[in-house]
Protein backbone atom coordinates (compact mmCIF):
# COMPACT_ATOMS: atom_id res chain seq x y z
CA MET A 1 0.00 0.00 0.00
CA ASN A 2 2.84 2.38 -0.74
CA SER A 3 2.75 5.22 -3.25
CA PRO A 4 2.21 4.04 -6.84
CA HIS A 5 4.08 7.12 -8.05
CA PRO A 6 7.90 6.77 -7.91
CA HIS A 7 8.39 10.55 -7.84
CA LEU A 8 6.48 10.86 -4.55
CA PRO A 9 7.91 10.13 -1.09
CA THR A 10 7.53 6.60 0.21
CA LEU A 11 5.71 5.76 3.40
CA GLU A 12 9.03 5.06 5.11
CA THR A 13 10.28 8.52 4.15
CA VAL A 14 7.20 10.17 5.63
CA LYS A 15 7.44 8.01 8.76
CA ASN A 16 11.00 9.23 9.25
CA ARG A 17 9.77 12.82 8.97
CA ALA A 18 7.19 12.06 11.66
CA ARG A 19 9.85 10.57 13.95
CA ALA A 20 11.94 13.71 13.52
CA MET A 21 9.04 15.76 14.93
CA LEU A 22 8.67 13.75 18.14
CA PRO A 23 10.95 15.86 20.40
CA MET A 24 9.01 18.99 19.44
CA LEU A 25 5.65 17.28 19.96
CA ARG A 26 6.64 15.99 23.42
CA GLU A 27 7.74 19.47 24.40
CA GLN A 28 4.47 20.97 23.14
CA ALA A 29 2.06 18.28 24.38
CA ALA A 30 1.02 20.12 27.54
CA ALA A 31 0.61 23.42 25.68
CA THR A 32 -1.45 21.70 23.00
CA GLU A 33 -3.76 20.28 25.65
CA THR A 34 -4.10 23.68 27.34
CA ASN A 35 -4.76 25.35 23.99
CA ARG A 36 -7.53 22.83 23.23
CA SER A 37 -6.37 22.80 19.63
CA VAL A 38 -3.18 21.75 17.86
CA LEU A 39 -0.84 24.71 17.95
CA PRO A 40 -0.50 26.73 14.71
CA GLU A 41 3.25 26.15 14.66
CA THR A 42 2.66 22.39 14.89
CA VAL A 43 0.20 22.49 11.99
CA ALA A 44 2.77 24.45 9.98
CA ALA A 45 5.38 21.78 10.75
CA LEU A 46 2.96 19.02 9.70
CA HIS A 47 2.37 20.81 6.40
CA GLU A 48 6.10 21.26 5.89
CA ALA A 49 6.72 17.55 6.49
CA GLY A 50 3.88 16.59 4.14
CA LEU A 51 1.99 14.76 6.89
CA THR A 52 -1.29 16.41 5.90
CA ARG A 53 -0.92 15.14 2.32
CA ILE A 54 -0.76 11.40 2.94
CA CYS A 55 -4.26 10.59 1.64
CA GLN A 56 -4.58 13.41 -0.88
CA PRO A 57 -4.68 12.66 -4.63
CA SER A 58 -1.33 13.15 -6.32
CA ARG A 59 -2.88 15.31 -9.04
CA PHE A 60 -3.53 17.88 -6.31
CA GLY A 61 -0.15 17.66 -4.61
CA GLY A 62 -0.82 14.64 -2.41
CA TYR A 63 1.11 11.46 -1.73
CA GLU A 64 -1.60 8.74 -2.14
CA LEU A 65 0.16 6.55 0.41
CA GLY A 66 -2.69 4.13 1.10
CA TRP A 67 -4.44 3.01 4.26
CA ASP A 68 -1.31 1.89 6.09
CA ALA A 69 -0.09 5.47 6.29
CA PRO A 70 -2.69 6.93 8.71
CA VAL A 71 -2.32 3.93 11.02
CA ASP A 72 1.49 3.92 11.04
CA LEU A 73 1.85 7.69 11.34
CA GLY A 74 -0.84 7.93 14.00
CA ARG A 75 1.00 5.37 16.09
CA ILE A 76 4.33 7.17 15.74
CA LEU A 77 2.97 10.64 16.57
CA ALA A 78 0.66 9.56 19.40
CA GLY A 79 3.65 8.37 21.38
CA ALA A 80 4.43 12.07 21.84
CA CYS A 81 1.08 13.84 21.37
CA PRO A 82 -2.16 11.91 20.72
CA SER A 83 -4.02 15.07 19.69
CA THR A 84 -1.54 15.82 16.92
CA ALA A 85 -1.70 12.18 15.87
CA TRP A 86 -5.50 12.51 15.60
CA LEU A 87 -5.12 15.44 13.24
CA VAL A 88 -2.89 13.37 10.94
CA SER A 89 -4.48 9.93 11.09
CA ILE A 90 -8.19 10.71 11.61
CA VAL A 91 -8.62 14.14 10.00
CA GLY A 92 -5.96 13.42 7.37
CA PRO A 93 -8.01 10.67 5.64
CA HIS A 94 -10.74 13.23 4.97
CA SER A 95 -8.60 13.94 1.90
CA ALA A 96 -9.34 10.40 0.75
CA TYR A 97 -13.01 11.06 1.28
CA ILE A 98 -12.87 14.21 -0.85
CA GLY A 99 -10.79 12.28 -3.41
CA ARG A 100 -13.81 10.03 -3.94
CA PHE A 101 -15.96 12.99 -5.04
CA PRO A 102 -16.41 13.86 -8.72
CA ILE A 103 -13.41 15.68 -10.11
CA GLU A 104 -15.28 19.01 -10.30
CA ALA A 105 -15.60 19.11 -6.51
CA GLN A 106 -11.95 18.16 -5.99
CA GLU A 107 -10.79 20.94 -8.27
CA VAL A 108 -12.73 23.49 -6.24
CA VAL A 109 -11.57 22.25 -2.83
CA TRP A 110 -7.90 21.99 -3.75
CA ALA A 111 -7.68 25.03 -5.98
CA ASP A 112 -5.92 27.05 -3.28
CA SER A 113 -5.68 24.77 -0.26
CA LYS A 114 -3.25 22.01 -1.21
CA GLY A 115 -2.23 19.97 1.80
CA ALA A 116 -4.81 21.69 3.99
CA VAL A 117 -6.70 20.23 6.93
CA LEU A 118 -10.27 19.31 5.92
CA ALA A 119 -12.70 19.22 8.85
CA GLY A 120 -15.82 17.07 8.83
CA SER A 121 -18.95 16.49 10.89
CA THR A 122 -21.21 13.46 11.08
CA VAL A 123 -23.33 14.70 13.98
CA SER A 124 -26.15 17.22 13.65
CA ARG A 125 -26.98 19.28 16.73
CA GLY A 126 -30.21 20.58 15.27
CA GLY A 127 -28.67 21.40 11.89
CA THR A 128 -30.83 20.97 8.80
CA ILE A 129 -30.31 20.03 5.16
CA ARG A 130 -33.08 20.84 2.67
CA ARG A 131 -33.53 20.78 -1.09
CA GLU A 132 -33.38 24.09 -2.93
CA GLY A 133 -33.64 23.80 -6.70
CA ASP A 134 -30.76 21.63 -7.92
CA GLY A 135 -28.77 22.32 -4.76
CA LEU A 136 -29.09 22.04 -1.00
CA ARG A 137 -29.55 24.54 1.79
CA VAL A 138 -27.59 23.72 4.97
CA ASP A 139 -28.13 25.56 8.22
CA GLY A 140 -27.40 25.17 11.92
CA GLN A 141 -24.97 23.40 14.21
CA PHE A 142 -22.98 20.29 13.30
CA GLY A 143 -20.67 18.74 15.86
CA PHE A 144 -17.37 16.99 16.48
CA SER A 145 -15.28 18.68 13.78
CA SER A 146 -11.71 17.85 14.77
CA GLY A 147 -9.11 20.32 13.54
CA VAL A 148 -11.72 22.80 12.35
CA ASP A 149 -9.64 25.76 13.58
CA HIS A 150 -7.17 25.02 10.79
CA ALA A 151 -9.58 24.05 8.00
CA PRO A 152 -10.29 26.14 4.88
CA TRP A 153 -13.00 23.62 3.95
CA GLY A 154 -15.42 21.45 5.87
CA PHE A 155 -18.00 18.83 5.09
CA VAL A 156 -21.11 17.52 6.77
CA ILE A 157 -22.74 14.12 6.41
CA GLY A 158 -26.46 14.24 7.03
CA THR A 159 -29.99 13.50 5.89
CA VAL A 160 -32.08 15.69 3.62
CA GLU A 161 -35.29 16.56 5.42
CA ASP A 162 -37.39 16.60 2.24
CA ASP A 163 -36.79 12.99 1.19
CA GLY A 164 -34.51 11.27 3.74
CA ALA A 165 -31.57 10.99 1.33
CA ALA A 166 -28.12 10.63 2.94
CA VAL A 167 -25.75 13.24 1.51
CA THR A 168 -22.28 14.66 2.01
CA CYS A 169 -21.94 18.42 1.49
CA LEU A 170 -18.72 20.39 1.02
CA LEU A 171 -18.58 23.92 2.46
CA PRO A 172 -15.89 26.62 2.23
CA ARG A 173 -14.77 28.33 5.44
CA ALA A 174 -16.81 31.41 4.59
CA ASP A 175 -19.99 29.37 5.04
CA PHE A 176 -19.46 28.46 8.70
CA ASP A 177 -18.35 29.83 12.04
CA ILE A 178 -16.76 27.80 14.82
CA SER A 179 -18.52 27.22 18.13
CA ASP A 180 -16.03 26.59 20.94
CA THR A 181 -17.77 23.59 22.48
CA TRP A 182 -14.68 21.46 23.10
CA HIS A 183 -14.33 21.51 26.91
CA VAL A 184 -13.57 17.87 27.63
CA ALA A 185 -11.66 15.43 29.82
CA GLY A 186 -9.34 14.00 27.17
CA MET A 187 -8.05 14.58 23.65
CA ARG A 188 -8.41 18.28 24.40
CA GLY A 189 -5.82 19.28 21.84
CA THR A 190 -7.81 17.99 18.87
CA GLY A 191 -9.96 21.13 18.87
CA THR A 192 -13.03 19.04 18.03
CA LYS A 193 -15.40 21.98 18.00
CA ASP A 194 -18.72 22.52 16.21
CA MET A 195 -19.40 24.07 12.83
CA MET A 196 -22.11 26.75 12.84
CA ILE A 197 -23.31 26.83 9.25
CA LYS A 198 -24.94 30.06 8.18
CA ASP A 199 -27.83 29.18 5.85
CA ALA A 200 -25.37 28.05 3.20
CA TYR A 201 -26.35 27.10 -0.33
CA VAL A 202 -24.49 24.03 -1.63
CA PRO A 203 -24.44 23.83 -5.45
CA PRO A 204 -24.90 20.46 -7.18
CA HIS A 205 -21.19 19.88 -7.82
CA LEU A 206 -20.38 20.16 -4.08
CA PHE A 207 -22.62 17.43 -2.71
CA ILE A 208 -23.12 13.75 -3.42
CA SER A 209 -25.12 10.79 -2.18
CA THR A 210 -23.16 9.40 0.76
CA GLY A 211 -24.01 5.87 -0.31
CA ASP A 212 -22.39 6.49 -3.69
CA LEU A 213 -19.34 7.94 -1.99
CA VAL A 214 -18.55 5.09 0.42
CA THR A 215 -19.25 2.09 -1.79
CA PRO A 216 -16.52 0.60 -4.03
CA ASP A 217 -15.59 2.59 -7.14
CA PRO A 218 -17.12 6.00 -6.36
CA PRO A 219 -16.84 8.83 -8.92
CA GLY A 220 -13.33 9.90 -7.91
CA ALA A 221 -11.94 6.41 -8.54
CA ALA A 222 -11.78 7.18 -12.24
CA TYR A 223 -8.93 9.64 -11.67
CA SER A 224 -6.47 7.59 -9.60
CA GLU A 225 -5.21 4.03 -9.25
CA SER A 226 -4.82 4.30 -5.46
CA GLU A 227 -7.04 2.07 -3.34
CA LEU A 228 -7.78 5.12 -1.19
CA TYR A 229 -10.39 6.14 -3.71
CA TRP A 230 -11.91 2.87 -4.91
CA VAL A 231 -12.13 0.46 -1.96
CA GLU A 232 -15.24 0.23 0.18
CA TYR A 233 -14.62 3.08 2.59
CA ALA A 234 -15.86 1.82 5.95
CA PRO A 235 -13.58 -1.14 6.82
CA TYR A 236 -10.45 0.73 5.77
CA VAL A 237 -11.06 4.14 7.32
CA ALA A 238 -12.10 2.53 10.61
CA THR A 239 -8.61 1.10 11.06
CA THR A 240 -7.12 4.60 11.22
CA LEU A 241 -8.46 4.98 14.76
CA MET A 242 -6.07 2.31 15.94
CA GLY A 243 -2.93 4.30 15.14
CA PRO A 244 -3.49 6.89 17.89
CA VAL A 245 -4.84 4.23 20.27
CA LEU A 246 -1.76 2.01 19.97
CA GLY A 247 0.58 4.99 19.93
CA ALA A 248 -0.84 6.52 23.09
CA ALA A 249 -0.69 3.20 24.93
CA GLU A 250 2.87 2.61 23.74
CA GLY A 251 3.84 6.14 24.74
CA ALA A 252 2.45 5.63 28.23
CA LEU A 253 4.18 2.28 28.59
CA THR A 254 7.54 3.68 27.45
CA THR A 255 7.25 6.85 29.57
CA TYR A 256 6.31 4.90 32.70
CA THR A 257 9.09 2.32 32.19
CA GLU A 258 11.82 4.89 31.64
CA SER A 259 10.77 7.09 34.55
CA THR A 260 10.43 4.13 36.92
CA LYS A 261 13.95 2.90 36.22
CA SER A 262 15.42 5.91 38.01
CA ARG A 263 12.57 6.99 40.30
CA ILE A 264 13.08 7.18 44.06
CA GLY A 265 10.07 7.05 46.37
CA ALA A 266 9.28 10.45 47.91
CA MET A 267 8.34 9.16 51.37
CA PHE A 268 10.72 6.29 52.06
CA GLY A 269 13.52 6.74 49.55
CA ASP A 270 12.92 3.28 48.09
CA ARG A 271 13.22 2.30 44.44
CA PRO A 272 9.82 1.40 42.91
CA ALA A 273 11.66 -0.60 40.24
CA ASP A 274 12.70 -3.09 42.96
CA SER A 275 9.09 -3.75 43.96
CA MET A 276 7.59 -7.02 42.73
CA SER A 277 4.16 -5.39 42.46
CA VAL A 278 5.60 -2.79 40.08
CA GLN A 279 7.31 -5.50 38.05
CA LEU A 280 4.14 -7.61 37.83
CA ARG A 281 1.92 -4.74 36.78
CA LEU A 282 4.39 -3.47 34.22
CA ALA A 283 4.70 -6.92 32.65
CA GLU A 284 0.91 -7.34 32.58
CA SER A 285 0.51 -3.99 30.87
CA ALA A 286 3.17 -4.94 28.31
CA ALA A 287 1.32 -8.19 27.59
CA GLU A 288 -1.95 -6.32 27.09
CA PHE A 289 -0.25 -3.96 24.67
CA ARG A 290 1.15 -6.86 22.66
CA ALA A 291 -2.28 -8.48 22.49
CA ALA A 292 -3.84 -5.23 21.23
CA GLU A 293 -1.04 -4.81 18.71
CA LEU A 294 -1.58 -8.31 17.33
CA LEU A 295 -5.31 -7.75 16.90
CA VAL A 296 -4.65 -4.62 14.88
CA GLU A 297 -1.89 -6.25 12.83
CA ALA A 298 -4.21 -9.13 11.93
CA GLN A 299 -6.87 -6.71 10.71
CA MET A 300 -4.41 -4.71 8.62
CA THR A 301 -2.95 -7.90 7.10
CA TYR A 302 -6.40 -9.05 6.04
CA LEU A 303 -7.25 -5.70 4.47
CA ARG A 304 -3.94 -5.48 2.60
CA ALA A 305 -4.59 -8.87 1.02
CA HIS A 306 -8.20 -7.97 0.31
CA VAL A 307 -7.24 -4.92 -1.77
CA ALA A 308 -6.01 -7.23 -4.52
CA THR A 309 -9.47 -8.79 -4.86
CA ARG A 310 -11.20 -5.44 -5.46
CA GLY A 311 -14.17 -6.93 -3.64
CA ALA A 312 -16.28 -5.67 -0.75
CA VAL A 313 -15.47 -6.82 2.79
CA SER A 314 -18.35 -8.95 4.06
CA SER A 315 -20.63 -7.49 6.72
CA GLU A 316 -19.74 -10.45 8.95
CA LYS A 317 -16.05 -9.63 8.71
CA GLN A 318 -16.72 -5.95 9.37
CA ILE A 319 -18.59 -6.89 12.55
CA GLU A 320 -15.59 -8.97 13.65
CA PHE A 321 -13.27 -6.06 12.89
CA GLY A 322 -15.38 -3.72 15.02
CA ARG A 323 -15.29 -6.22 17.88
CA ASP A 324 -11.50 -6.56 17.67
CA ARG A 325 -10.93 -2.80 17.49
CA ALA A 326 -13.12 -2.27 20.56
CA TYR A 327 -11.33 -5.02 22.46
CA ALA A 328 -7.87 -3.78 21.49
CA THR A 329 -8.87 -0.30 22.64
CA ARG A 330 -10.11 -1.62 25.98
CA LEU A 331 -6.80 -3.43 26.46
CA CYS A 332 -4.93 -0.18 25.84
CA VAL A 333 -7.08 1.79 28.28
CA SER A 334 -6.66 -0.96 30.88
CA LEU A 335 -2.90 -1.15 30.62
CA VAL A 336 -2.45 2.60 31.00
CA HIS A 337 -4.95 2.81 33.85
CA ARG A 338 -2.92 0.17 35.69
CA LEU A 339 0.25 2.21 35.25
CA VAL A 340 -1.41 5.41 36.48
CA GLN A 341 -2.72 3.63 39.58
CA GLN A 342 0.73 2.16 40.24
CA MET A 343 2.19 5.68 40.34
CA GLY A 344 0.13 6.56 43.40
CA ALA A 345 -0.43 10.24 44.15
CA SER A 346 1.98 11.34 41.41
CA GLY A 347 -0.31 9.70 38.88
CA LEU A 348 -3.09 12.16 39.74
CA TYR A 349 -1.43 15.26 38.33
CA ASP A 350 -2.51 16.64 34.96
CA SER A 351 1.14 17.43 34.29
CA ASN A 352 2.08 13.75 34.51
CA PRO A 353 2.47 12.57 30.89
CA VAL A 354 1.23 9.06 31.75
CA GLN A 355 -1.93 10.65 33.16
CA ARG A 356 -2.31 12.63 29.93
CA PHE A 357 -2.05 9.46 27.89
CA PHE A 358 -4.73 7.89 30.09
CA ARG A 359 -7.09 10.84 29.68
CA ASP A 360 -6.59 10.80 25.93
CA LEU A 361 -7.09 7.06 25.62
CA SER A 362 -10.25 7.21 27.70
CA ALA A 363 -11.60 9.89 25.37
CA MET A 364 -10.63 7.96 22.25
CA ALA A 365 -12.44 4.89 23.56
CA ALA A 366 -15.71 6.83 23.39
CA GLN A 367 -15.44 7.19 19.59
CA PHE A 368 -18.21 5.16 17.94
CA GLY A 369 -15.84 3.26 15.65
CA ILE A 370 -14.14 1.66 18.67
CA GLY A 371 -16.82 2.12 21.34
CA TRP A 372 -17.50 -1.00 23.38
CA ASP A 373 -21.29 -1.41 23.31
CA ARG A 374 -21.75 -0.30 19.71
CA ASN A 375 -19.21 -2.82 18.42
CA MET A 376 -19.52 -5.73 20.85
CA ALA A 377 -23.32 -6.13 20.83
CA PRO A 378 -23.54 -6.72 17.04
CA ALA A 379 -20.74 -9.28 17.29
CA GLY A 380 -22.63 -11.14 20.02
CA ARG A 381 -25.85 -11.09 18.02
CA GLN A 382 -24.01 -12.38 14.98
CA MET A 383 -22.61 -15.30 16.97
CA LEU A 384 -26.13 -16.16 18.18
CA GLY A 385 -27.60 -16.09 14.70
CA ILE A 386 -29.58 -12.92 15.40
CA ASP A 387 -29.72 -9.98 13.00
CA ASN A 388 -26.60 -8.05 14.00
CA GLY A 389 -28.42 -4.75 13.51
CA ALA A 390 -25.23 -3.01 12.46
CA GLN A 391 -25.48 0.18 10.44
CA HIS A 392 -22.78 2.58 9.40
CA PHE A 393 -23.26 6.18 10.42
CA TRP A 394 -23.68 7.33 6.82
CA LYS A 395 -26.62 4.90 6.36
CA THR A 396 -28.60 5.88 9.41
């Protein structure tokens, strides 16, 4: 799943650029959290390194690196700053989504915003979409738009009130304001605020049936050979969540291990590293991380092989994937929670980086693509021969 274009950087090249940013991201992690949005200088550095171009069509300055790239880069970056990782591996693939639109829409979006962050919303907070002639009229509040502070374009996925059609609408920054709703316990730095759309008219070339967009071979597939734009969207994009999850857990595990090697107890002057309870809990957390890692690797291996078939991933397999992502996420939350508890009172401080990883992982675990109840219940029903009841958000 590397770039099909030899003149573009390889995935390994871009991963090395991400690794080079880690010292800066660690230094800025607390400030990013306090800012409740990725810092402008960080976004500029991401642009400079090409990390916002990984899923963008090459004809518009992108790298077309495939679905491995958001997962791998998210894992690398989240070891230093999960919020920055989210911007790259969750918001970044919005470029793949836009790349599936008809070429007319792509030309408008990327006319003057090459490599830009593209914010999206799948949650209406009373927002409306209505027919108006050949176009649509969008108005109101749409939520959970990560990275919207930095986005010259946004999109909303919703239902047309007139006929119940599921549509995706593209909107320039002039058509929406930002509502600062993102006051949360974890992943504060993602800036996942709401878009306030101001009675915007969306012309026919800037919206499309969401069903047409997420099924195999959407309109944009005619303009690129990359699987980003022709595979069935859901099973591939869902894996991108696991990059930040694994990276945050790995970052916590590494940070705790390194700090514990030299730590001296504040009250008794003992070495926590010499304690059997510390050793046992650290080893258990490491085993949980390895189990989570293997679940994700198995899913990615299956999807890589499946690309060659150009076929859809069965609904049964997608249900299994959702189950495994949810379970891997729970393992990661569990292993970091154990480490925080082992740190005693020092684990309570917001300034403790292991505590920050725990807050961020707990917030990530609430995302519907890896949420426990939403993904486990359908898997249980499927095993019992009951209609699994699963629906993707763009079909509801």
